[in-house]
Each structure stands twice: as structure tokens, then as C-alpha cells.
Amino acid sequence: MAARILSVMGRRKRMEDDAEGSQLARVLSVLDLTALGVGSTLGLGVYVLAGAVARDTAGPAVTLSFLVAAIASAFAALCYAEFAARVPKAGSAYVYSYVSVGEFVAFVIGWNLILEYVIGTASVARGMSSYIDALTNYTMRDAFISISPKWEIDFLSKYPDFFSFFVIMLLAVLLATGVKESTMMNNIFTALNLITIAIVIVAGGIKADFKNWNIPKESIPKEVRHRAGEGGFMPFGFSGVMAGAAKCFYGFVGFDSVATTGEEARNPQRSIPLAIAFSLVIIFFAYFGISGVLTLMWPYYDQDPDAPFPYVFEQIGWPVIKWIVTVGAIFALCTCLLGAMFPLPRVLYAMAKDRLIFHNLSRIHPRTKTPLVATISSGILAGLMAMLFDLQQLIDMMSIGTLLAYTIVAICVLVLRYQESEDPAFLSIAASNKAISKESEDNHLFGHLFNYPLKKVPSAVSSAISKWGICLFSALAAGLCACIIYSGHDLVRGRLWTVVLTTLLALSLLFILVVIARQPKARTDLSFKVPWVPIIPALSVIFNLYLMLELDGHTWIRFSVWMALGFLIYICYAIPNSEEGRRRKEDEIAKEAYTNDAFADDNLKKDNVTSKF
């Protein structure tokens, strides 16, 4: 029974399915995809995150925090780009993990991507509503409170935000009308957003004063000195830079939306990796420039954590730039909202097409060539969450699904790089090298672990070693991150048990990484490959696990509830209705029929021979 369950959970989507024709329209260029990645990322982070991190966490070194976050995001982006080159279909990490790992892991990833995009859409809509409402002296808030029933529930908003619901439904209708039409609007808004950022950087550069990067502690006003650190460029030290990087990392969440458009990109193997790379470079320079001029224009300890740029430009006496930034922020939020919602119906479509969630969500409208039912349904869900839930609760839940998806993608890159090839050309190479194959059969443990004598083609043994090594590496990496997070103070003080435990975990990770690196790699020809494998995917796993463990307990509880609902759907609907499961049953029936026919033919021949005698 257990073997049967594991077989069902581990069934993988066939690679040859990727060659099937798609009903979605292939109309997206590299420019469209890059604009989608930039637009879905440069939103609230540009206009809020830099000021908040500079004021309370990193000071002027917020620029370094964005650099560290960009490096961590680049690791995940490289893994995404290789998967996009391997599996150019809609669904992002969901399809990638379905092909390489198995159905259950794919469902977990897809379910978490739904959570990420729904909450991302709802939180941006709620943030845009609050931003516009603040400009009108909270007229909408007062009106909604006056017509709404009162409730006192912690995780719900104090009033239903009908404006957020209206904005999301309007966007859902726009997305349902066609991909090209919605991406054209996204391109326009993204261009306006980048122009606004350029204006801010140029104007801020004119008023830059490098003294604001080296303010001594005694020059800080006494009323804020208790929360301003030690002054200087790194007032909160290296730990402040890393804590700021953990927060700034979430400002890069969104580039993965590019990878969900594999069935709508003109040349996905080439355009998706290029678009991911271009969008990350643009995003980093925007964040780096914004945070730099913000802290050069005005002291870090006096930043407004909610609306830093309007506040700073008001303080330096440039109200015209203030209003340009304000209008640009609204366009940026519109773009971010579109980028957050765009991939959601694509993930629903991909999962529904595989019958892991309700199949009606995979219907494609014959005229617009868009997943209409999935788009409208996701709009209603995100709209209700934006209308009813508190913004802070939405933000707290936004990142955990993303980080888990990034982790699985990095693991899948390692699995695919070292798994046994099914290409006949490489199988013939392996078969021809009989001497090494025979020697490897009798090899000892050391020889298997360190690939001695050297084999250049993956085998069943080397694939198994790499997979077990990857699983063990991930588990030990989680243990090392937990040790650093929860025993950091003891580690700094030199407590013996923490030093010994951390050292053992680090050395074990290094040993496993060497073992994985020594295994032969698959020689698959791809338009893009992650360099320095297994180092970069391994670093991505460590970064992502560290940030996941930084999340608070309430976030993990809400995440557990969401996952419990997903497991219920998987057990009751996905297992009996899975498209891959249906195909395997048909293959088994066909194989059994072929065997019976062959057996019947043999008996018939025997009867004919007997009758002759």
C-alpha cells in the first residue's frame, strides 16, 4: 500500500508532453517579458521599502542590503532561467517540479504559487487604495466605515475596502480580454514607472550630500538617538546590513512571473532567460540608485517609513518633484498589480489542465485565447481577500510560498543535472565504455561517492547518490540556518556546543557538496545553463531556507492551514483525476492487451502445428 502511494505521489509529467501544441497565443517578445518582470517587481518596494529599511534596520548601508538581496535573487533567477530553457510551458516552478521531481511536490509548489500570487495581488491593491486614500485625507476610509457593519477580528480589516475589490475585478477583465492588450498596458505603465525612478535619481543626485553617509553619533538628535544606531555608513553594523537584506529580498519577488509565460512567449527557450536576466539587472540598479539618493538627500534616521520620497522632497523644498513621484507611484502600483495578477491564472490553468485542481479552470476562450474561467475566478478570490483582510496579515503571508518555490527550483536543477540520461546517444556512449562500467559495478563505497575511476555519463548509481546527497544537503542546510538564527547570540559569545554544532553542520554540508560535484553530469543541450553547478543552486537553497526560517510562527500557522486545505484537494480530487495517472492506466491497459494478444497468437500457432500432426 505504501509503495502504491509513493508511486502515485512520485509520478512525473512526461517531457514529450512539452512538444504538444498550445491553445494559448504566442505573442510575447523579450521586451514584453522584461517589462512584465520589471513591472511586477518595482512597486511598493521602490517607494516604501528603501526608506523603511534605511530608517530602522541598515541606515545608508541599505544600498549594500539591496546588493546582497540582488545576489540571492540572482541565484534563484539563474535556476528559473535554466528551467525555462528545459520546460517552456505555462506554470512556472509547478511544471518544472512536475517534470523533474514528481506530482506531489509539483502540487505543493503550485498550491504555494497560488497563495503567493493571490496575496501579492491583494496586498498591492490594498496598498494602492491606502496610498490614494491618504492623498484625499482618507475620504474613502470614512465612507466605507459609515456604510459597513462593525467587526472586531484581528486578522481582518477594520472595514471592507470596496475600492480594492473593484480595482482587482477591473484588472481581471483586462487580463481576460487578451494577453497582447494587457501587456501593452503593462509596457506603458512600466515605462512611466522607470521614467519616474530616473527623475528621482537625477533630482536626488543634484541634492546629494555625502555627509549624510557619515553622520557621527553625537550629531544625531537626542530624541531619535536611541533607535539610530552608532551613526556612520553602517550605523547598525554588519548584522543590520544582513537583516536589511532579508527585508530587501522581498523587494525582488516577482521576476518569477516571467517564467509562467512559457506557452505565450514567441521563443521561450531564448526569450525567458534573457528577460529574467534583463529584468533583474534593471530592478537592482533601480533599487540601488533609489536607496542611494534617498539616504544622500536626507539623514537616514529622519526618513518616513511609509512614504519616504514625498516627505524628503517636501523637506528640501521641491514640491513639483514630490507630486511627480506621487503620480509615478500610482502608475507603479498599477504596473505591480498587473504583474502580480498576470501569472495567477496561468498557474491555475496549468494545474487544472493536469487535473490536479478542478478541470473547469483550464477552459480557454476561443476568441481571446486566455484562460477566462481561471482569470475571473482568481480575480474574485484576490478581490475578496483585498477587501476583507488586513494589509499587514497579507504581507506576512506573501513570501513563504515564494521562498519554498525558489528552494524546490534550485533542488530540481541539481536533480536534473545529475540524473541518468534517457537520450539514446548518451546511452550508447555509456554502453560502449564496458571496461569502466564493469569496474564501477565492483567499485567500493569510496569509488561510488567520489566517482573513481572517472565516469562521464550518469548511471543509476550516480543518480541515486546525487539525489540522496541533495536531500541530505537540504536537511542539513535547514539545520545550519536554524542554528545560526536561534543560537546566534551563543555562537557570537563562543559557547562550545553552538560552535561545535555549527562547525559539524558546515563541514558536513561541504563534504556532501563535494560528493555531489564529483558525480557525472547529464550532457543535455540547452540554450541556457546555470554556471558553477552545484555551488550556485546550493547557495540558493541555503539563502531561501534561511529566509523562510526568519518568518514568524503565526505565518507558519497560517501557511499550515493553507497547506492542509491543499492536501485535502489533492487526496480527494487530484489523485483519482490526475491526467498523468489516467495516461499511465491507459498505458498499462494497452500493455496488458498487447501481452494477451501475443499470448493468444502463440497459442494459435501451437494449435495449428498440433493440428498438422
Foldseek 3Di string as FASTA:
>chain_A
DVVVVCCLFFQADELVVLPDADLFAQDDFLLLLLLLLQLQQPAQCLFFLLLQLCQFFWNLLLLVLLVVLLLLVVLLLQLQLQLLQRRLAAAGLLNLCRHQGHNNVSLLLLLLLLLQLLLLLLLLLLLLLVLVCVVVVNPQVVVQLVPADADDDVFKDRGFRLSSLVLLLVLLVQPQQADVRLSVLSSVLSVLLVVLLVVLLVVLVVLFACVLQAPALVNDDPVQSVRQAGGHNGRPPPRSSNVSSLVSSSSSPQSSLSSNCSSRHPDRLPSSSSSSVSNSVSSSVSNSSSSNSLSRNDHSNPADNNGRPLVSCVVVVNNVSSVSNSVSNSSSSSSSSSSSLNSNLSNVLVCLVQFLFPVLQVDADNPRSGSSNSSNVSSNSSSNCSRIGDSVSSVLQNPLSVLVSSLSSLLSLLLQFQAADPDPVLVVVVVVPVVLVVCVVPDDPVCLQQVPVPDQGHDHSLSVLSNVLSVVLLVLLLVLLCLCVVVVVVVVVPPPVSVVSNVVSVVSNVSSQNSSVNHHTHPDDTPHHNPPPPPSSSVSSNVSSNSSVVRDPVSVVVVVVSVVVSVVSSVPTCSVPGPSVVVVVVVVVVVVVVVVVVVVVVVVVVVVVVVVD
